Amino acid sequence: MASDPGFSVEKLFPAFSDKHDSSGVITGHYFRHGLLVAQKTYTRNPGKHVEIASRIDGFVTHVATFREIEVFNIRPVISKTTNIKFSKGDLNAEGLGLAKQFGAISRLHAIEHFGLGRHNDPIDALGHVKGLNNLTELLKKGGILYLSTPMGRQRVEFNAQRVFALSYLLKLFADKFSIADFAYADDSGDLQENVARTVEKMIGENVGCSYGCAIFELVKL
C-alpha cells in the first residue's frame, strides 16, 4: 500500500460500513422531543429554566446555545461548560425549600423511571405520581412544565420504565395543569404536532401508538 512519506501506518482501523450509512438520524423520541421543546423554550424565553434528569446531549445542548439552563440530576456531572449549570440533587425528595420557585421546568423521558430502582431510587409503585406532584409544587402558578414520556398500552417494563396510556396521563394532569400543547413521536419516531385531544377514539387507542412518546406543554393551574 502506497503511503505519504510524512505519515507511517501504525495500525489497521478498517471502516467499511460508513459508505452505506445515511448522513444522520433525525427521528426517534430523543431527537423529536429535544428539538421541539428547545424551540418552545426559545419562544417563551422564561426567566429561569430548570431541567431535571434528562439527557444532556440533546435538549440541554440545544437550549445552551441561546440561554442559560440549570440541570438537576440525582447523579453527579463532572464536566463544566458554558450556559449549563449543574446541580446534584433529588428534586423528588422532600424538604428542599424550593416550592413555587420556577417559571419553567422540563422533564423529558424521565418520569417513567421513578420508583423502579433503575437509578438507585427506592422501589415505589406510585413513584411517578409522587414525582409529578413534586414537579407541580416546584412551579409557580402559571409556570410551564414540559414533560415527555413513553405512550402506548399501559404497562411496566421492569425495571427500565413504564409506558403510559394517554387517557391515564390526561387524568393525572386534570386538576393540576391545563394543556397548552400536545404532540407525540409515533411508533416510527416521526413527530405529530397540533394533535386534537378531544377525539375519544384517538385517546382510547393512544393515537395509534404501541410505543410512542407523548410530549406535553403544561401550564400550572
N, C-alpha and C. Protein backbone atom coordinates (compact mmCIF):
# COMPACT_ATOMS: atom_id res chain seq x y z
N MET A 1 0.84 -1.19 0.00
CA MET A 1 0.00 0.00 0.00
C MET A 1 0.88 1.24 0.00
N ALA A 2 0.61 2.15 -0.93
CA ALA A 2 1.38 3.39 -1.00
C ALA A 2 1.09 4.25 0.21
N SER A 3 2.10 4.97 0.67
CA SER A 3 1.95 5.80 1.85
C SER A 3 2.62 7.14 1.64
N ASP A 4 1.98 8.21 2.11
CA ASP A 4 2.59 9.54 2.11
C ASP A 4 3.85 9.46 2.96
N PRO A 5 4.98 9.94 2.48
CA PRO A 5 6.21 9.83 3.25
C PRO A 5 6.15 10.57 4.59
N GLY A 6 5.18 11.48 4.75
CA GLY A 6 5.06 12.20 6.01
C GLY A 6 4.27 11.44 7.06
N PHE A 7 3.70 10.28 6.69
CA PHE A 7 2.88 9.50 7.62
C PHE A 7 3.33 8.05 7.60
N SER A 8 3.26 7.42 8.74
CA SER A 8 3.51 5.98 8.81
C SER A 8 2.22 5.28 9.21
N VAL A 9 1.97 4.13 8.65
CA VAL A 9 0.80 3.33 9.01
C VAL A 9 1.12 2.59 10.30
N GLU A 10 0.49 2.99 11.40
CA GLU A 10 0.81 2.42 12.70
C GLU A 10 -0.15 1.34 13.15
N LYS A 11 -1.38 1.36 12.66
CA LYS A 11 -2.31 0.30 13.00
C LYS A 11 -3.41 0.24 11.95
N LEU A 12 -4.07 -0.89 11.88
CA LEU A 12 -5.21 -1.04 10.98
C LEU A 12 -6.49 -0.63 11.73
N PHE A 13 -7.33 0.14 11.06
CA PHE A 13 -8.59 0.62 11.65
C PHE A 13 -9.63 0.57 10.53
N PRO A 14 -10.03 -0.63 10.14
CA PRO A 14 -10.93 -0.76 8.99
C PRO A 14 -12.31 -0.17 9.26
N ALA A 15 -12.85 0.60 8.32
CA ALA A 15 -14.18 1.19 8.41
C ALA A 15 -14.85 0.99 7.07
N PHE A 16 -15.61 -0.10 6.96
CA PHE A 16 -16.17 -0.49 5.67
C PHE A 16 -17.64 -0.12 5.49
N SER A 17 -18.33 0.21 6.60
CA SER A 17 -19.78 0.39 6.51
C SER A 17 -20.21 1.83 6.30
N ASP A 18 -19.33 2.80 6.58
CA ASP A 18 -19.74 4.20 6.53
C ASP A 18 -20.29 4.60 5.16
N LYS A 19 -19.74 4.07 4.10
CA LYS A 19 -20.17 4.48 2.75
C LYS A 19 -21.60 4.06 2.45
N HIS A 20 -22.15 3.13 3.26
CA HIS A 20 -23.52 2.68 3.04
C HIS A 20 -24.51 3.34 4.01
N ASP A 21 -24.00 4.05 5.04
CA ASP A 21 -24.86 4.65 6.05
C ASP A 21 -25.48 5.95 5.54
N SER A 22 -26.59 6.36 6.18
CA SER A 22 -27.16 7.67 5.89
C SER A 22 -26.29 8.73 6.58
N SER A 23 -26.58 9.98 6.29
CA SER A 23 -25.75 11.06 6.84
C SER A 23 -26.12 11.41 8.28
N GLY A 24 -27.16 10.77 8.82
CA GLY A 24 -27.54 11.03 10.21
C GLY A 24 -28.96 10.56 10.47
N VAL A 25 -29.36 10.65 11.73
CA VAL A 25 -30.70 10.22 12.14
C VAL A 25 -31.47 11.43 12.65
N ILE A 26 -32.61 11.73 12.07
CA ILE A 26 -33.44 12.85 12.51
C ILE A 26 -34.82 12.36 12.89
N THR A 27 -34.85 11.27 13.64
CA THR A 27 -36.12 10.71 14.07
C THR A 27 -35.92 10.10 15.46
N GLY A 28 -36.98 9.59 16.05
CA GLY A 28 -36.88 8.97 17.36
C GLY A 28 -37.28 9.90 18.49
N HIS A 29 -37.56 9.31 19.65
CA HIS A 29 -38.07 10.06 20.80
C HIS A 29 -37.15 11.21 21.19
N TYR A 30 -35.88 10.91 21.41
CA TYR A 30 -34.98 11.90 21.99
C TYR A 30 -34.71 13.05 21.01
N PHE A 31 -34.59 12.73 19.76
CA PHE A 31 -34.38 13.79 18.77
C PHE A 31 -35.62 14.68 18.69
N ARG A 32 -36.79 14.06 18.61
CA ARG A 32 -38.02 14.82 18.40
C ARG A 32 -38.38 15.68 19.60
N HIS A 33 -38.38 15.09 20.81
CA HIS A 33 -38.81 15.91 21.95
C HIS A 33 -37.76 16.97 22.28
N GLY A 34 -36.47 16.65 22.11
CA GLY A 34 -35.43 17.62 22.41
C GLY A 34 -35.52 18.86 21.54
N LEU A 35 -35.71 18.67 20.25
CA LEU A 35 -35.77 19.79 19.33
C LEU A 35 -37.05 20.59 19.53
N LEU A 36 -38.19 19.90 19.69
CA LEU A 36 -39.47 20.59 19.84
C LEU A 36 -39.49 21.45 21.11
N VAL A 37 -39.07 20.87 22.24
CA VAL A 37 -39.13 21.61 23.50
C VAL A 37 -38.09 22.73 23.52
N ALA A 38 -36.96 22.54 22.89
CA ALA A 38 -35.99 23.63 22.77
C ALA A 38 -36.58 24.81 21.99
N GLN A 39 -37.31 24.52 20.93
CA GLN A 39 -37.95 25.57 20.15
C GLN A 39 -38.99 26.32 20.99
N LYS A 40 -39.74 25.58 21.79
CA LYS A 40 -40.75 26.20 22.66
C LYS A 40 -40.09 27.05 23.74
N THR A 41 -38.97 26.57 24.28
CA THR A 41 -38.24 27.34 25.29
C THR A 41 -37.72 28.65 24.70
N TYR A 42 -37.24 28.59 23.48
CA TYR A 42 -36.76 29.79 22.79
C TYR A 42 -37.89 30.80 22.63
N THR A 43 -39.07 30.31 22.25
CA THR A 43 -40.21 31.20 22.01
C THR A 43 -40.71 31.83 23.31
N ARG A 44 -40.84 31.02 24.36
CA ARG A 44 -41.37 31.53 25.64
C ARG A 44 -40.32 32.33 26.41
N ASN A 45 -39.07 31.94 26.31
CA ASN A 45 -37.97 32.63 26.98
C ASN A 45 -38.26 32.89 28.46
N PRO A 46 -38.44 31.86 29.25
CA PRO A 46 -38.76 32.06 30.67
C PRO A 46 -37.58 32.68 31.42
N GLY A 47 -37.89 33.32 32.56
CA GLY A 47 -36.83 33.94 33.34
C GLY A 47 -35.79 32.93 33.80
N LYS A 48 -36.25 31.74 34.22
CA LYS A 48 -35.33 30.69 34.63
C LYS A 48 -35.90 29.36 34.17
N HIS A 49 -35.06 28.57 33.53
CA HIS A 49 -35.49 27.25 33.08
C HIS A 49 -34.67 26.19 33.80
N VAL A 50 -35.37 25.23 34.38
CA VAL A 50 -34.73 24.14 35.11
C VAL A 50 -35.04 22.83 34.40
N GLU A 51 -34.00 22.08 34.15
CA GLU A 51 -34.13 20.77 33.53
C GLU A 51 -33.81 19.71 34.58
N ILE A 52 -34.64 18.68 34.65
CA ILE A 52 -34.48 17.66 35.69
C ILE A 52 -34.30 16.29 35.06
N ALA A 53 -33.09 15.76 35.15
CA ALA A 53 -32.81 14.34 34.93
C ALA A 53 -32.97 13.86 33.50
N SER A 54 -32.94 14.75 32.53
CA SER A 54 -33.00 14.29 31.14
C SER A 54 -31.59 14.19 30.57
N ARG A 55 -31.50 13.72 29.33
CA ARG A 55 -30.19 13.59 28.68
C ARG A 55 -29.57 14.94 28.42
N ILE A 56 -28.25 15.01 28.61
CA ILE A 56 -27.54 16.26 28.38
C ILE A 56 -27.31 16.49 26.89
N ASP A 57 -26.97 15.43 26.16
CA ASP A 57 -26.58 15.58 24.75
C ASP A 57 -27.80 15.58 23.84
N GLY A 58 -28.70 16.50 24.09
CA GLY A 58 -29.91 16.63 23.29
C GLY A 58 -30.55 17.96 23.63
N PHE A 59 -31.67 17.90 24.33
CA PHE A 59 -32.40 19.10 24.69
C PHE A 59 -31.53 20.13 25.40
N VAL A 60 -30.80 19.70 26.42
CA VAL A 60 -29.97 20.64 27.19
C VAL A 60 -28.96 21.33 26.28
N THR A 61 -28.34 20.58 25.40
CA THR A 61 -27.37 21.14 24.47
C THR A 61 -28.02 22.18 23.56
N HIS A 62 -29.22 21.87 23.05
CA HIS A 62 -29.92 22.82 22.19
C HIS A 62 -30.15 24.14 22.91
N VAL A 63 -30.69 24.06 24.14
CA VAL A 63 -31.05 25.26 24.89
C VAL A 63 -29.81 26.08 25.24
N ALA A 64 -28.72 25.40 25.56
CA ALA A 64 -27.50 26.09 25.97
C ALA A 64 -26.88 26.92 24.85
N THR A 65 -27.31 26.72 23.62
CA THR A 65 -26.80 27.54 22.52
C THR A 65 -27.35 28.96 22.56
N PHE A 66 -28.50 29.17 23.25
CA PHE A 66 -29.08 30.51 23.24
C PHE A 66 -29.42 31.06 24.62
N ARG A 67 -29.28 30.25 25.70
CA ARG A 67 -29.57 30.78 27.03
C ARG A 67 -29.00 29.86 28.10
N GLU A 68 -29.00 30.34 29.33
CA GLU A 68 -28.55 29.51 30.44
C GLU A 68 -29.66 28.56 30.87
N ILE A 69 -29.27 27.36 31.28
CA ILE A 69 -30.21 26.37 31.77
C ILE A 69 -29.58 25.68 32.98
N GLU A 70 -30.39 25.48 34.01
CA GLU A 70 -29.91 24.79 35.21
C GLU A 70 -30.38 23.35 35.18
N VAL A 71 -29.46 22.42 35.40
CA VAL A 71 -29.74 21.00 35.30
C VAL A 71 -29.58 20.34 36.66
N PHE A 72 -30.65 19.70 37.12
CA PHE A 72 -30.60 18.92 38.35
C PHE A 72 -30.60 17.44 37.99
N ASN A 73 -29.76 16.66 38.68
CA ASN A 73 -29.75 15.22 38.48
C ASN A 73 -29.29 14.55 39.77
N ILE A 74 -29.88 13.39 40.05
CA ILE A 74 -29.50 12.64 41.24
C ILE A 74 -28.09 12.10 41.12
N ARG A 75 -27.60 11.97 39.87
CA ARG A 75 -26.25 11.52 39.62
C ARG A 75 -25.36 12.71 39.28
N PRO A 76 -24.11 12.72 39.71
CA PRO A 76 -23.25 13.89 39.50
C PRO A 76 -22.82 14.04 38.04
N VAL A 77 -22.57 15.28 37.65
CA VAL A 77 -21.97 15.59 36.36
C VAL A 77 -20.67 16.33 36.64
N ILE A 78 -19.57 15.79 36.16
CA ILE A 78 -18.26 16.33 36.50
C ILE A 78 -17.85 17.49 35.59
N SER A 79 -18.13 17.37 34.31
CA SER A 79 -17.69 18.36 33.35
C SER A 79 -18.44 19.69 33.51
N LYS A 80 -17.83 20.77 33.01
CA LYS A 80 -18.45 22.08 33.03
C LYS A 80 -18.43 22.66 31.62
N THR A 81 -19.45 23.48 31.33
CA THR A 81 -19.50 24.10 30.01
C THR A 81 -20.35 25.36 30.09
N THR A 82 -20.22 26.22 29.11
CA THR A 82 -20.93 27.49 29.09
C THR A 82 -22.44 27.29 29.03
N ASN A 83 -23.17 28.08 29.82
CA ASN A 83 -24.62 28.16 29.82
C ASN A 83 -25.32 26.97 30.46
N ILE A 84 -24.58 25.99 30.98
CA ILE A 84 -25.21 24.87 31.68
C ILE A 84 -24.70 24.85 33.12
N LYS A 85 -25.62 25.03 34.05
CA LYS A 85 -25.28 24.98 35.47
C LYS A 85 -25.76 23.64 36.03
N PHE A 86 -24.84 22.83 36.53
CA PHE A 86 -25.18 21.52 37.05
C PHE A 86 -25.35 21.57 38.57
N SER A 87 -26.42 20.93 39.06
CA SER A 87 -26.65 20.80 40.49
C SER A 87 -27.03 19.36 40.79
N LYS A 88 -26.36 18.75 41.75
CA LYS A 88 -26.67 17.38 42.15
C LYS A 88 -27.77 17.43 43.21
N GLY A 89 -28.83 16.71 42.97
CA GLY A 89 -29.91 16.70 43.94
C GLY A 89 -31.09 15.90 43.43
N ASP A 90 -31.87 15.41 44.35
CA ASP A 90 -33.07 14.65 44.03
C ASP A 90 -34.27 15.56 44.26
N LEU A 91 -34.83 16.10 43.19
CA LEU A 91 -35.95 17.02 43.35
C LEU A 91 -37.25 16.28 43.65
N ASN A 92 -37.18 14.97 43.78
CA ASN A 92 -38.32 14.23 44.30
C ASN A 92 -38.30 14.18 45.83
N ALA A 93 -37.16 14.53 46.41
CA ALA A 93 -37.03 14.49 47.87
C ALA A 93 -37.81 15.64 48.50
N GLU A 94 -38.21 15.45 49.74
CA GLU A 94 -38.96 16.46 50.46
C GLU A 94 -38.00 17.38 51.21
N GLY A 95 -38.51 18.57 51.56
CA GLY A 95 -37.75 19.48 52.40
C GLY A 95 -36.64 20.22 51.70
N LEU A 96 -36.72 20.41 50.40
CA LEU A 96 -35.67 21.12 49.68
C LEU A 96 -35.83 22.63 49.74
N GLY A 97 -37.00 23.10 50.15
CA GLY A 97 -37.24 24.53 50.24
C GLY A 97 -37.30 25.23 48.91
N LEU A 98 -37.73 24.55 47.85
CA LEU A 98 -37.75 25.13 46.51
C LEU A 98 -39.16 25.32 45.97
N ALA A 99 -40.16 25.25 46.85
CA ALA A 99 -41.55 25.31 46.40
C ALA A 99 -41.84 26.62 45.67
N LYS A 100 -42.54 26.48 44.55
CA LYS A 100 -43.05 27.61 43.77
C LYS A 100 -41.96 28.60 43.37
N GLN A 101 -40.80 28.10 43.03
CA GLN A 101 -39.68 28.97 42.67
C GLN A 101 -39.46 29.10 41.17
N PHE A 102 -39.94 28.14 40.38
CA PHE A 102 -39.52 28.06 38.99
C PHE A 102 -40.64 28.42 38.02
N GLY A 103 -40.26 29.15 36.97
CA GLY A 103 -41.22 29.53 35.95
C GLY A 103 -41.35 28.51 34.84
N ALA A 104 -40.33 27.68 34.66
CA ALA A 104 -40.38 26.64 33.61
C ALA A 104 -39.51 25.47 34.03
N ILE A 105 -40.05 24.29 33.88
CA ILE A 105 -39.33 23.05 34.19
C ILE A 105 -39.52 22.09 33.03
N SER A 106 -38.48 21.38 32.67
CA SER A 106 -38.62 20.30 31.69
C SER A 106 -38.19 18.99 32.35
N ARG A 107 -38.94 17.95 32.04
CA ARG A 107 -38.58 16.61 32.48
C ARG A 107 -38.93 15.67 31.33
N LEU A 108 -37.94 15.37 30.54
CA LEU A 108 -38.16 14.68 29.28
C LEU A 108 -37.69 13.23 29.37
N HIS A 109 -38.62 12.33 29.10
CA HIS A 109 -38.33 10.90 29.11
C HIS A 109 -37.67 10.49 30.43
N ALA A 110 -38.27 10.88 31.54
CA ALA A 110 -37.68 10.57 32.84
C ALA A 110 -38.71 10.06 33.85
N ILE A 111 -39.92 10.62 33.84
CA ILE A 111 -40.88 10.28 34.89
C ILE A 111 -41.27 8.80 34.87
N GLU A 112 -41.11 8.16 33.73
CA GLU A 112 -41.46 6.73 33.62
C GLU A 112 -40.53 5.83 34.43
N HIS A 113 -39.38 6.37 34.85
CA HIS A 113 -38.41 5.57 35.62
C HIS A 113 -38.63 5.63 37.12
N PHE A 114 -39.36 6.64 37.60
CA PHE A 114 -39.43 6.87 39.04
C PHE A 114 -40.02 5.68 39.77
N GLY A 115 -39.33 5.26 40.82
CA GLY A 115 -39.84 4.19 41.67
C GLY A 115 -39.56 2.79 41.18
N LEU A 116 -38.74 2.66 40.14
CA LEU A 116 -38.42 1.32 39.61
C LEU A 116 -37.02 0.87 39.99
N GLY A 117 -36.27 1.69 40.70
CA GLY A 117 -34.94 1.30 41.17
C GLY A 117 -33.84 1.39 40.14
N ARG A 118 -34.17 1.83 38.95
CA ARG A 118 -33.18 1.84 37.87
C ARG A 118 -32.01 2.76 38.19
N HIS A 119 -32.29 3.87 38.84
CA HIS A 119 -31.24 4.86 39.13
C HIS A 119 -30.94 4.91 40.62
N ASN A 120 -31.03 3.75 41.24
CA ASN A 120 -30.74 3.62 42.67
C ASN A 120 -31.78 4.33 43.53
N ASP A 121 -32.96 4.55 43.00
CA ASP A 121 -34.06 5.12 43.77
C ASP A 121 -34.86 3.99 44.41
N PRO A 122 -35.57 4.25 45.50
CA PRO A 122 -36.34 3.19 46.16
C PRO A 122 -37.50 2.71 45.30
N ILE A 123 -37.81 1.43 45.39
CA ILE A 123 -38.95 0.88 44.66
C ILE A 123 -40.24 1.47 45.22
N ASP A 124 -41.06 2.01 44.34
CA ASP A 124 -42.30 2.67 44.76
C ASP A 124 -43.27 2.63 43.59
N ALA A 125 -44.36 1.89 43.75
CA ALA A 125 -45.33 1.74 42.67
C ALA A 125 -45.96 3.08 42.28
N LEU A 126 -45.95 4.04 43.19
CA LEU A 126 -46.52 5.36 42.90
C LEU A 126 -45.44 6.41 42.69
N GLY A 127 -44.25 5.96 42.36
CA GLY A 127 -43.14 6.90 42.17
C GLY A 127 -43.43 7.97 41.14
N HIS A 128 -44.09 7.60 40.05
CA HIS A 128 -44.38 8.58 39.00
C HIS A 128 -45.40 9.61 39.47
N VAL A 129 -46.36 9.19 40.29
CA VAL A 129 -47.37 10.12 40.81
C VAL A 129 -46.71 11.11 41.77
N LYS A 130 -45.87 10.60 42.66
CA LYS A 130 -45.17 11.46 43.60
C LYS A 130 -44.24 12.41 42.85
N GLY A 131 -43.60 11.91 41.81
CA GLY A 131 -42.72 12.76 41.02
C GLY A 131 -43.47 13.91 40.37
N LEU A 132 -44.65 13.63 39.81
CA LEU A 132 -45.44 14.68 39.19
C LEU A 132 -45.92 15.68 40.23
N ASN A 133 -46.33 15.20 41.40
CA ASN A 133 -46.76 16.10 42.48
C ASN A 133 -45.64 17.05 42.89
N ASN A 134 -44.41 16.52 42.97
CA ASN A 134 -43.28 17.35 43.35
C ASN A 134 -42.96 18.39 42.27
N LEU A 135 -43.07 17.99 41.00
CA LEU A 135 -42.86 18.95 39.92
C LEU A 135 -43.89 20.07 40.00
N THR A 136 -45.12 19.72 40.29
CA THR A 136 -46.18 20.71 40.40
C THR A 136 -45.87 21.70 41.51
N GLU A 137 -45.38 21.19 42.62
CA GLU A 137 -45.07 22.04 43.77
C GLU A 137 -43.92 22.99 43.48
N LEU A 138 -42.98 22.58 42.65
CA LEU A 138 -41.82 23.42 42.34
C LEU A 138 -42.16 24.61 41.45
N LEU A 139 -43.24 24.49 40.67
CA LEU A 139 -43.60 25.53 39.71
C LEU A 139 -44.40 26.66 40.34
N LYS A 140 -44.16 27.87 39.84
CA LYS A 140 -45.02 28.99 40.17
C LYS A 140 -46.38 28.80 39.49
N LYS A 141 -47.40 29.47 40.00
CA LYS A 141 -48.69 29.46 39.32
C LYS A 141 -48.53 30.03 37.92
N GLY A 142 -49.06 29.34 36.95
CA GLY A 142 -48.89 29.77 35.57
C GLY A 142 -47.58 29.33 34.95
N GLY A 143 -46.74 28.62 35.74
CA GLY A 143 -45.48 28.12 35.23
C GLY A 143 -45.68 26.99 34.24
N ILE A 144 -44.66 26.75 33.44
CA ILE A 144 -44.75 25.77 32.35
C ILE A 144 -43.98 24.50 32.72
N LEU A 145 -44.61 23.36 32.51
CA LEU A 145 -43.94 22.07 32.62
C LEU A 145 -43.92 21.41 31.24
N TYR A 146 -42.71 21.14 30.76
CA TYR A 146 -42.55 20.35 29.54
C TYR A 146 -42.27 18.92 29.97
N LEU A 147 -43.12 18.02 29.58
CA LEU A 147 -43.00 16.64 30.03
C LEU A 147 -43.20 15.70 28.85
N SER A 148 -42.27 14.77 28.70
CA SER A 148 -42.44 13.72 27.69
C SER A 148 -42.24 12.37 28.35
N THR A 149 -42.91 11.37 27.79
CA THR A 149 -42.85 10.03 28.39
C THR A 149 -43.37 9.01 27.39
N PRO A 150 -42.96 7.74 27.51
CA PRO A 150 -43.48 6.72 26.61
C PRO A 150 -45.00 6.59 26.71
N MET A 151 -45.62 6.35 25.57
CA MET A 151 -47.08 6.27 25.49
C MET A 151 -47.48 5.05 24.67
N GLY A 152 -48.47 4.33 25.17
CA GLY A 152 -49.00 3.16 24.47
C GLY A 152 -49.89 2.38 25.41
N ARG A 153 -50.06 1.09 25.14
CA ARG A 153 -50.80 0.25 26.08
C ARG A 153 -50.11 0.30 27.43
N GLN A 154 -50.88 0.60 28.48
CA GLN A 154 -50.26 0.85 29.78
C GLN A 154 -49.63 -0.41 30.36
N ARG A 155 -48.34 -0.26 30.82
CA ARG A 155 -47.61 -1.42 31.30
C ARG A 155 -46.33 -0.97 32.01
N VAL A 156 -45.75 -1.88 32.78
CA VAL A 156 -44.42 -1.69 33.35
C VAL A 156 -43.47 -2.66 32.67
N GLU A 157 -42.34 -2.15 32.22
CA GLU A 157 -41.27 -2.98 31.67
C GLU A 157 -40.13 -2.93 32.67
N PHE A 158 -40.22 -3.77 33.69
CA PHE A 158 -39.35 -3.69 34.87
C PHE A 158 -37.93 -4.15 34.54
N ASN A 159 -36.91 -3.45 35.01
CA ASN A 159 -37.03 -2.26 35.83
C ASN A 159 -36.71 -1.00 35.03
N ALA A 160 -36.86 -1.07 33.75
CA ALA A 160 -36.45 0.05 32.89
C ALA A 160 -37.43 1.20 32.92
N GLN A 161 -38.74 0.92 32.76
CA GLN A 161 -39.66 2.02 32.52
C GLN A 161 -41.12 1.60 32.62
N ARG A 162 -41.97 2.61 32.71
CA ARG A 162 -43.40 2.44 32.49
C ARG A 162 -43.74 2.96 31.10
N VAL A 163 -44.82 2.44 30.54
CA VAL A 163 -45.41 3.01 29.34
C VAL A 163 -46.83 3.40 29.73
N PHE A 164 -47.19 4.67 29.49
CA PHE A 164 -48.45 5.20 29.98
C PHE A 164 -49.51 5.26 28.88
N ALA A 165 -50.74 4.94 29.24
CA ALA A 165 -51.87 5.19 28.35
C ALA A 165 -52.15 6.69 28.33
N LEU A 166 -52.52 7.21 27.19
CA LEU A 166 -52.80 8.64 27.08
C LEU A 166 -53.94 9.04 28.01
N SER A 167 -54.97 8.21 28.11
CA SER A 167 -56.09 8.54 28.99
C SER A 167 -55.64 8.66 30.44
N TYR A 168 -54.71 7.82 30.87
CA TYR A 168 -54.19 7.86 32.23
C TYR A 168 -53.43 9.16 32.47
N LEU A 169 -52.61 9.56 31.52
CA LEU A 169 -51.85 10.79 31.66
C LEU A 169 -52.79 12.00 31.76
N LEU A 170 -53.83 12.03 30.95
CA LEU A 170 -54.75 13.16 30.99
C LEU A 170 -55.45 13.26 32.35
N LYS A 171 -55.76 12.12 32.96
CA LYS A 171 -56.36 12.13 34.30
C LYS A 171 -55.36 12.63 35.35
N LEU A 172 -54.08 12.26 35.21
CA LEU A 172 -53.07 12.73 36.15
C LEU A 172 -52.94 14.26 36.12
N PHE A 173 -53.09 14.84 34.94
CA PHE A 173 -52.90 16.27 34.78
C PHE A 173 -54.14 17.09 35.15
N ALA A 174 -55.30 16.45 35.19
CA ALA A 174 -56.58 17.15 35.15
C ALA A 174 -56.73 18.26 36.19
N ASP A 175 -56.36 18.03 37.43
CA ASP A 175 -56.57 19.04 38.48
C ASP A 175 -55.32 19.85 38.78
N LYS A 176 -54.28 19.69 37.99
CA LYS A 176 -53.01 20.38 38.23
C LYS A 176 -52.63 21.32 37.10
N PHE A 177 -52.96 20.94 35.86
CA PHE A 177 -52.47 21.66 34.70
C PHE A 177 -53.56 21.81 33.64
N SER A 178 -53.44 22.88 32.89
CA SER A 178 -54.12 22.94 31.60
C SER A 178 -53.09 22.55 30.54
N ILE A 179 -53.56 22.04 29.42
CA ILE A 179 -52.67 21.56 28.37
C ILE A 179 -52.58 22.61 27.27
N ALA A 180 -51.41 23.26 27.18
CA ALA A 180 -51.21 24.27 26.15
C ALA A 180 -50.94 23.63 24.80
N ASP A 181 -50.29 22.48 24.81
CA ASP A 181 -49.98 21.82 23.54
C ASP A 181 -49.69 20.35 23.80
N PHE A 182 -50.08 19.53 22.85
CA PHE A 182 -49.77 18.09 22.89
C PHE A 182 -49.26 17.67 21.52
N ALA A 183 -48.11 17.03 21.52
CA ALA A 183 -47.54 16.45 20.31
C ALA A 183 -47.03 15.07 20.68
N TYR A 184 -46.64 14.29 19.69
CA TYR A 184 -46.07 12.98 20.00
C TYR A 184 -45.20 12.48 18.86
N ALA A 185 -44.23 11.66 19.24
CA ALA A 185 -43.48 10.90 18.25
C ALA A 185 -44.17 9.55 18.11
N ASP A 186 -44.51 9.17 16.91
CA ASP A 186 -45.24 7.92 16.69
C ASP A 186 -44.30 6.72 16.73
N ASP A 187 -44.83 5.54 16.46
CA ASP A 187 -44.03 4.32 16.56
C ASP A 187 -42.85 4.31 15.59
N SER A 188 -42.94 5.12 14.55
CA SER A 188 -41.83 5.23 13.60
C SER A 188 -40.82 6.29 14.01
N GLY A 189 -41.13 7.02 15.09
CA GLY A 189 -40.23 8.07 15.56
C GLY A 189 -40.45 9.41 14.90
N ASP A 190 -41.53 9.54 14.11
CA ASP A 190 -41.82 10.80 13.42
C ASP A 190 -42.74 11.66 14.28
N LEU A 191 -42.55 12.98 14.22
CA LEU A 191 -43.28 13.91 15.07
C LEU A 191 -44.64 14.24 14.48
N GLN A 192 -45.65 14.20 15.35
CA GLN A 192 -47.01 14.62 15.00
C GLN A 192 -47.37 15.79 15.91
N GLU A 193 -47.64 16.96 15.32
CA GLU A 193 -47.89 18.16 16.10
C GLU A 193 -49.35 18.60 16.02
N ASN A 194 -49.73 19.50 16.95
CA ASN A 194 -51.06 20.10 16.99
C ASN A 194 -52.16 19.04 16.96
N VAL A 195 -52.03 18.08 17.85
CA VAL A 195 -52.92 16.92 17.87
C VAL A 195 -54.16 17.23 18.70
N ALA A 196 -55.34 16.98 18.14
CA ALA A 196 -56.58 17.15 18.89
C ALA A 196 -56.66 16.10 19.99
N ARG A 197 -57.01 16.55 21.20
CA ARG A 197 -57.10 15.63 22.34
C ARG A 197 -58.54 15.28 22.67
N THR A 198 -59.48 15.80 21.91
CA THR A 198 -60.89 15.61 22.25
C THR A 198 -61.52 14.43 21.51
N VAL A 199 -60.77 13.78 20.66
CA VAL A 199 -61.31 12.64 19.92
C VAL A 199 -61.14 11.40 20.77
N GLU A 200 -62.24 10.91 21.33
CA GLU A 200 -62.17 9.82 22.29
C GLU A 200 -61.52 8.57 21.69
N LYS A 201 -61.77 8.32 20.43
CA LYS A 201 -61.19 7.13 19.80
C LYS A 201 -59.67 7.24 19.79
N MET A 202 -59.17 8.44 19.50
CA MET A 202 -57.71 8.63 19.47
C MET A 202 -57.11 8.45 20.85
N ILE A 203 -57.82 8.94 21.87
CA ILE A 203 -57.31 8.79 23.23
C ILE A 203 -57.32 7.33 23.63
N GLY A 204 -58.42 6.63 23.38
CA GLY A 204 -58.54 5.22 23.76
C GLY A 204 -57.53 4.34 23.06
N GLU A 205 -57.13 4.73 21.87
CA GLU A 205 -56.16 3.94 21.10
C GLU A 205 -54.75 4.52 21.19
N ASN A 206 -54.55 5.44 22.13
CA ASN A 206 -53.22 6.05 22.31
C ASN A 206 -52.68 6.62 21.00
N VAL A 207 -53.57 7.30 20.29
CA VAL A 207 -53.29 7.87 18.97
C VAL A 207 -52.52 6.91 18.07
N GLY A 208 -52.86 5.61 18.20
CA GLY A 208 -52.29 4.60 17.33
C GLY A 208 -50.91 4.12 17.72
N CYS A 209 -50.43 4.49 18.90
CA CYS A 209 -49.06 4.14 19.30
C CYS A 209 -49.02 2.89 20.17
N SER A 210 -48.04 2.05 19.91
CA SER A 210 -47.70 0.95 20.81
C SER A 210 -46.58 1.39 21.74
N TYR A 211 -45.59 2.09 21.18
CA TYR A 211 -44.52 2.68 21.98
C TYR A 211 -44.15 4.01 21.33
N GLY A 212 -44.99 5.01 21.63
CA GLY A 212 -44.72 6.35 21.13
C GLY A 212 -44.15 7.20 22.25
N CYS A 213 -44.04 8.49 22.00
CA CYS A 213 -43.54 9.43 23.00
C CYS A 213 -44.48 10.62 23.06
N ALA A 214 -45.25 10.72 24.16
CA ALA A 214 -46.14 11.86 24.36
C ALA A 214 -45.32 13.05 24.81
N ILE A 215 -45.59 14.22 24.23
CA ILE A 215 -44.84 15.45 24.54
C ILE A 215 -45.85 16.54 24.91
N PHE A 216 -45.86 16.94 26.18
CA PHE A 216 -46.84 17.89 26.68
C PHE A 216 -46.19 19.22 27.04
N GLU A 217 -46.91 20.29 26.74
CA GLU A 217 -46.61 21.62 27.27
C GLU A 217 -47.76 21.95 28.22
N LEU A 218 -47.47 21.95 29.53
CA LEU A 218 -48.50 22.06 30.56
C LEU A 218 -48.35 23.38 31.32
N VAL A 219 -49.49 23.99 31.68
CA VAL A 219 -49.50 25.23 32.42
C VAL A 219 -50.11 24.98 33.78
N LYS A 220 -49.37 25.32 34.84
CA LYS A 220 -49.86 25.06 36.19
C LYS A 220 -51.07 25.92 36.50
N LEU A 221 -52.11 25.29 37.03
CA LEU A 221 -53.35 25.98 37.39
C LEU A 221 -53.15 26.79 38.67
